Amino acid sequence: MCPLFSTKIQLTGGLTVRTTEPAAGVRFCMALMDLTGLDQLTGKADYQSVAPLLSTRELEFLSTLSYAKRRREWLGGRLCAKVCVRTLATGRPPEPAGISILASPDGVPVLHGPAAGENLALSISHSRSRAVALATRAVSCGIDIQKITGQPLRVVDRFADKAERKLLRDRPVQMNEAARLTLLWSAKEAVKKSLLSDQPVIFQGIRLESLQEHEQSGCMTLRCRCEHERRISRVTATVLGEYVLAWTMAEGDHA
């Protein structure tokens, strides 16, 4: 397991969520979950064994999802986000069922109920057997996880121009072309979630300008220009086995 997610949180039903190590002054938390744990927990479509972790409105929404894959992804993402909210809570951490996370019309996860008073921006992502979440006191944020596959190679012209591909050609040195393009896609997806959540799923307005590797931490910093917002986003990314994880937070606070 990546040192980034060094804290292990046990939930009901034997479920495990791993989070970033909490530290004084840190205003964000990330959580990671292996979704195969949900399959091992129960084969029932309604996931009643985890009902104590969900609000009434969340349970109602879960019951509307027809496909097991979608239920698993939605549930895993929510559980990760709830752990993040509890970690950053300013007072006594609310019970999981007291944290209601529902999607806005743009698909952005939003806190409802008493936990909304924590003024946290949230982002959730999932890919294959992994789900992640990010909570922060910044104005907005975006997180994305992608399993490394050959898919980006087949659609590269849709999200990467010649300058970006040249920039990625020789680095990161430990990654092949499929992994590098997955890295670019994930970084742009994180920026889109943070700054362009109400825009179509296109990345032409997001440009990679630089990439820096940090050998000691195993992370990378990608500098992306968001032309629509006329601003620069600093994206942090890392490789987690067969996956690429990228996240960003917009400057500024709710308070």
Protein backbone atom coordinates (compact mmCIF):
# COMPACT_ATOMS: atom_id res chain seq x y z
CA MET A 1 0.00 0.00 0.00
CA CYS A 2 1.23 3.47 -0.93
CA PRO A 3 2.63 5.42 2.06
CA LEU A 4 0.30 8.24 1.02
CA PHE A 5 -2.62 6.29 2.51
CA SER A 6 -1.00 5.19 5.73
CA THR A 7 -3.98 5.42 8.09
CA LYS A 8 -6.38 2.47 8.19
CA ILE A 9 -10.04 3.06 9.14
CA GLN A 10 -12.32 0.11 9.93
CA LEU A 11 -15.99 0.48 9.07
CA THR A 12 -18.92 -1.75 9.86
CA GLY A 13 -19.07 -5.09 8.10
CA GLY A 14 -15.30 -5.45 8.01
CA LEU A 15 -14.86 -2.74 5.38
CA THR A 16 -11.56 -0.85 5.30
CA VAL A 17 -10.83 2.67 4.09
CA ARG A 18 -7.31 4.07 4.01
CA THR A 19 -6.66 7.79 4.44
CA THR A 20 -3.87 10.28 4.31
CA GLU A 21 -2.13 10.82 7.64
CA PRO A 22 -3.86 13.69 9.50
CA ALA A 23 -1.52 16.47 10.56
CA ALA A 24 -1.83 19.82 12.30
CA GLY A 25 -2.68 22.61 9.89
CA VAL A 26 -3.57 20.26 7.00
CA ARG A 27 -6.84 21.37 5.45
CA PHE A 28 -7.60 18.36 3.28
CA CYS A 29 -8.02 14.61 3.53
CA MET A 30 -8.00 11.86 0.92
CA ALA A 31 -9.39 8.35 1.28
CA LEU A 32 -8.95 5.19 -0.80
CA MET A 33 -11.03 2.02 -0.84
CA ASP A 34 -10.65 -1.37 -2.53
CA LEU A 35 -14.12 -2.01 -3.92
CA THR A 36 -13.66 -5.77 -3.95
CA GLY A 37 -14.31 -5.55 -0.22
CA LEU A 38 -17.91 -4.64 -1.03
CA ASP A 39 -18.27 -7.74 -3.19
CA GLN A 40 -16.91 -9.91 -0.40
CA LEU A 41 -19.24 -8.29 2.11
CA THR A 42 -22.52 -9.18 0.50
CA GLY A 43 -24.03 -10.28 -2.75
CA LYS A 44 -27.32 -8.57 -1.98
CA ALA A 45 -28.33 -5.72 -4.25
CA ASP A 46 -29.58 -3.47 -1.46
CA TYR A 47 -26.39 -3.52 0.68
CA GLN A 48 -28.48 -3.47 3.86
CA SER A 49 -25.45 -4.52 5.90
CA VAL A 50 -23.97 -1.05 5.35
CA ALA A 51 -27.27 0.78 5.86
CA PRO A 52 -26.08 2.15 9.26
CA LEU A 53 -23.42 4.13 7.36
CA LEU A 54 -25.89 5.90 5.07
CA SER A 55 -28.45 8.65 5.52
CA THR A 56 -32.11 8.09 4.63
CA ARG A 57 -31.75 10.10 1.42
CA GLU A 58 -28.64 8.15 0.44
CA LEU A 59 -30.40 4.84 1.01
CA GLU A 60 -33.29 6.06 -1.13
CA PHE A 61 -30.92 6.98 -3.94
CA LEU A 62 -28.99 3.71 -3.67
CA SER A 63 -32.23 1.79 -4.13
CA THR A 64 -32.76 3.50 -7.51
CA LEU A 65 -29.50 2.18 -8.99
CA SER A 66 -30.19 -0.84 -11.17
CA TYR A 67 -26.70 -2.15 -11.83
CA ALA A 68 -24.47 -3.79 -9.23
CA LYS A 69 -21.34 -2.12 -10.65
CA ARG A 70 -22.89 1.34 -10.30
CA ARG A 71 -24.11 0.61 -6.77
CA ARG A 72 -20.64 -0.58 -5.77
CA GLU A 73 -18.90 2.49 -7.21
CA TRP A 74 -21.39 4.93 -5.74
CA LEU A 75 -21.27 3.33 -2.31
CA GLY A 76 -17.47 3.08 -2.22
CA GLY A 77 -17.07 6.72 -3.18
CA ARG A 78 -19.55 7.87 -0.53
CA LEU A 79 -17.90 5.84 2.21
CA CYS A 80 -14.51 7.33 1.31
CA ALA A 81 -15.96 10.84 1.35
CA LYS A 82 -17.64 10.28 4.72
CA VAL A 83 -14.34 9.20 6.26
CA CYS A 84 -12.75 12.40 4.92
CA VAL A 85 -15.54 14.56 6.36
CA ARG A 86 -15.23 12.91 9.76
CA THR A 87 -11.45 13.38 9.70
CA LEU A 88 -11.75 17.13 9.01
CA ALA A 89 -14.71 17.79 11.32
CA THR A 90 -14.07 20.81 13.54
CA GLY A 91 -16.00 19.43 16.48
CA ARG A 92 -17.10 15.96 17.44
CA PRO A 93 -17.04 13.85 14.25
CA PRO A 94 -20.60 13.26 13.01
CA GLU A 95 -21.84 9.72 12.72
CA PRO A 96 -21.61 8.35 9.15
CA ALA A 97 -25.39 8.17 8.83
CA GLY A 98 -25.54 11.84 9.82
CA ILE A 99 -23.42 12.76 6.81
CA SER A 100 -25.52 12.98 3.66
CA ILE A 101 -23.61 13.37 0.38
CA LEU A 102 -25.77 13.88 -2.69
CA ALA A 103 -24.93 15.07 -6.18
CA SER A 104 -25.67 18.56 -7.49
CA PRO A 105 -27.23 18.95 -10.97
CA ASP A 106 -23.65 19.11 -12.31
CA GLY A 107 -22.75 15.87 -10.56
CA VAL A 108 -20.61 17.47 -7.86
CA PRO A 109 -20.90 15.71 -4.46
CA VAL A 110 -22.35 18.11 -1.89
CA LEU A 111 -22.83 17.80 1.86
CA HIS A 112 -26.38 18.08 3.18
CA GLY A 113 -27.81 18.19 6.68
CA PRO A 114 -25.83 19.17 9.81
CA ALA A 115 -22.50 18.19 8.21
CA ALA A 116 -22.99 20.92 5.61
CA GLY A 117 -21.86 23.35 8.31
CA GLU A 118 -18.33 22.02 7.92
CA ASN A 119 -18.09 24.00 4.63
CA LEU A 120 -16.09 21.36 2.81
CA ALA A 121 -15.59 20.94 -0.92
CA LEU A 122 -15.75 17.30 -2.00
CA SER A 123 -14.66 15.27 -4.99
CA ILE A 124 -15.10 11.54 -5.67
CA SER A 125 -13.70 9.21 -8.31
CA HIS A 126 -13.66 5.50 -9.06
CA SER A 127 -12.03 3.18 -11.57
CA ARG A 128 -12.42 -0.59 -11.76
CA SER A 129 -11.75 -1.85 -8.20
CA ARG A 130 -10.73 1.45 -6.57
CA ALA A 131 -12.66 4.42 -5.22
CA VAL A 132 -11.18 7.64 -3.84
CA ALA A 133 -12.45 10.85 -2.30
CA LEU A 134 -11.02 14.24 -1.42
CA ALA A 135 -12.40 16.73 1.11
CA THR A 136 -10.92 20.18 1.63
CA ARG A 137 -11.63 23.63 3.00
CA ALA A 138 -10.53 25.16 -0.29
CA VAL A 139 -13.16 26.71 -2.56
CA SER A 140 -13.20 23.70 -4.89
CA CYS A 141 -11.27 20.54 -5.59
CA GLY A 142 -10.96 17.66 -7.99
CA ILE A 143 -9.67 14.11 -7.66
CA ASP A 144 -9.44 11.39 -10.29
CA ILE A 145 -8.22 7.81 -10.33
CA GLN A 146 -7.70 5.83 -13.52
CA LYS A 147 -6.53 2.28 -14.09
CA ILE A 148 -3.66 2.24 -16.58
CA THR A 149 -4.92 0.67 -19.82
CA GLY A 150 -4.40 1.11 -23.52
CA GLN A 151 -7.59 3.15 -23.91
CA PRO A 152 -5.85 6.59 -23.83
CA LEU A 153 -3.64 5.48 -26.73
CA ARG A 154 -6.74 4.96 -28.87
CA VAL A 155 -8.27 8.38 -28.13
CA VAL A 156 -5.13 10.46 -27.60
CA ASP A 157 -6.09 13.02 -30.26
CA ARG A 158 -9.16 13.94 -28.21
CA PHE A 159 -7.29 15.15 -25.15
CA ALA A 160 -3.57 15.66 -25.90
CA ASP A 161 -1.92 17.97 -28.42
CA LYS A 162 1.55 17.59 -29.94
CA ALA A 163 3.24 19.85 -27.39
CA GLU A 164 1.80 17.88 -24.47
CA ARG A 165 2.78 14.55 -25.98
CA LYS A 166 6.30 15.84 -26.56
CA LEU A 167 6.50 17.01 -22.95
CA LEU A 168 5.47 13.54 -21.75
CA ARG A 169 7.58 11.60 -24.24
CA ASP A 170 10.62 11.07 -22.02
CA ARG A 171 9.20 11.41 -18.56
CA PRO A 172 8.17 10.26 -16.10
CA VAL A 173 10.94 7.80 -16.96
CA GLN A 174 9.41 4.88 -15.05
CA MET A 175 6.15 5.06 -17.04
CA ASN A 176 5.35 3.72 -20.51
CA GLU A 177 3.29 5.69 -23.04
CA ALA A 178 -0.04 4.27 -21.88
CA ALA A 179 0.73 5.24 -18.29
CA ARG A 180 1.90 8.73 -19.29
CA LEU A 181 -1.27 9.39 -21.26
CA THR A 182 -3.36 8.02 -18.38
CA LEU A 183 -1.51 10.49 -16.15
CA LEU A 184 -2.40 13.37 -18.46
CA TRP A 185 -6.04 12.32 -18.70
CA SER A 186 -6.34 11.96 -14.92
CA ALA A 187 -4.73 15.35 -14.28
CA LYS A 188 -7.06 17.08 -16.73
CA GLU A 189 -10.07 15.31 -15.24
CA ALA A 190 -9.08 16.56 -11.77
CA VAL A 191 -8.81 20.14 -13.09
CA LYS A 192 -12.16 19.85 -14.83
CA LYS A 193 -13.85 18.64 -11.65
CA SER A 194 -12.35 21.52 -9.68
CA LEU A 195 -12.92 24.40 -12.10
CA LEU A 196 -15.20 23.25 -14.94
CA SER A 197 -17.72 20.90 -13.35
CA ASP A 198 -20.55 22.50 -15.34
CA GLN A 199 -18.77 22.04 -18.68
CA PRO A 200 -18.99 19.09 -21.12
CA VAL A 201 -16.43 16.30 -20.79
CA ILE A 202 -13.86 17.87 -23.10
CA PHE A 203 -10.33 18.89 -22.23
CA GLN A 204 -9.38 21.22 -25.09
CA GLY A 205 -9.35 24.19 -22.73
CA ILE A 206 -6.90 22.53 -20.30
CA ARG A 207 -3.22 22.52 -21.28
CA LEU A 208 -0.30 20.80 -19.58
CA GLU A 209 2.58 23.28 -19.34
CA SER A 210 5.13 21.51 -17.14
CA LEU A 211 5.75 18.36 -15.12
CA GLN A 212 8.09 17.92 -12.19
CA GLU A 213 8.95 14.63 -10.48
CA HIS A 214 9.64 14.39 -6.75
CA GLU A 215 11.66 11.24 -6.19
CA GLN A 216 11.51 11.31 -2.41
CA SER A 217 7.72 11.40 -2.19
CA GLY A 218 7.01 9.44 -5.36
CA CYS A 219 4.64 12.19 -6.48
CA MET A 220 4.60 14.49 -9.49
CA THR A 221 3.46 18.09 -9.92
CA LEU A 222 1.71 18.99 -13.17
CA ARG A 223 1.14 22.63 -14.05
CA CYS A 224 -2.02 22.94 -16.12
CA ARG A 225 -3.44 26.09 -17.68
CA CYS A 226 -7.22 26.34 -17.66
CA GLU A 227 -7.96 28.75 -20.51
CA HIS A 228 -11.67 29.01 -19.69
CA GLU A 229 -10.93 30.30 -16.18
CA ARG A 230 -7.67 32.03 -17.17
CA ARG A 231 -5.78 30.46 -14.32
CA ILE A 232 -3.12 27.88 -13.56
CA SER A 233 -3.93 24.69 -11.66
CA ARG A 234 -1.29 22.80 -9.76
CA VAL A 235 -2.07 19.09 -9.91
CA THR A 236 -0.37 16.49 -7.75
CA ALA A 237 -0.26 12.93 -9.06
CA THR A 238 1.18 9.56 -8.15
CA VAL A 239 1.13 5.96 -9.34
CA LEU A 240 -0.64 3.41 -7.15
CA GLY A 241 0.26 0.06 -8.64
CA GLU A 242 -1.89 -0.27 -11.77
CA TYR A 243 -3.60 3.08 -11.17
CA VAL A 244 -2.82 6.77 -11.56
CA LEU A 245 -4.19 9.17 -8.95
CA ALA A 246 -4.35 12.95 -9.49
CA TRP A 247 -5.79 15.72 -7.34
CA THR A 248 -5.97 19.51 -7.20
CA MET A 249 -7.45 22.19 -4.96
CA ALA A 250 -8.40 25.72 -5.98
CA GLU A 251 -6.88 28.50 -3.88
CA GLY A 252 -9.08 30.32 -1.41
CA ASP A 253 -11.26 29.30 1.51
CA HIS A 254 -14.93 29.13 2.28
CA ALA A 255 -14.48 31.03 5.51
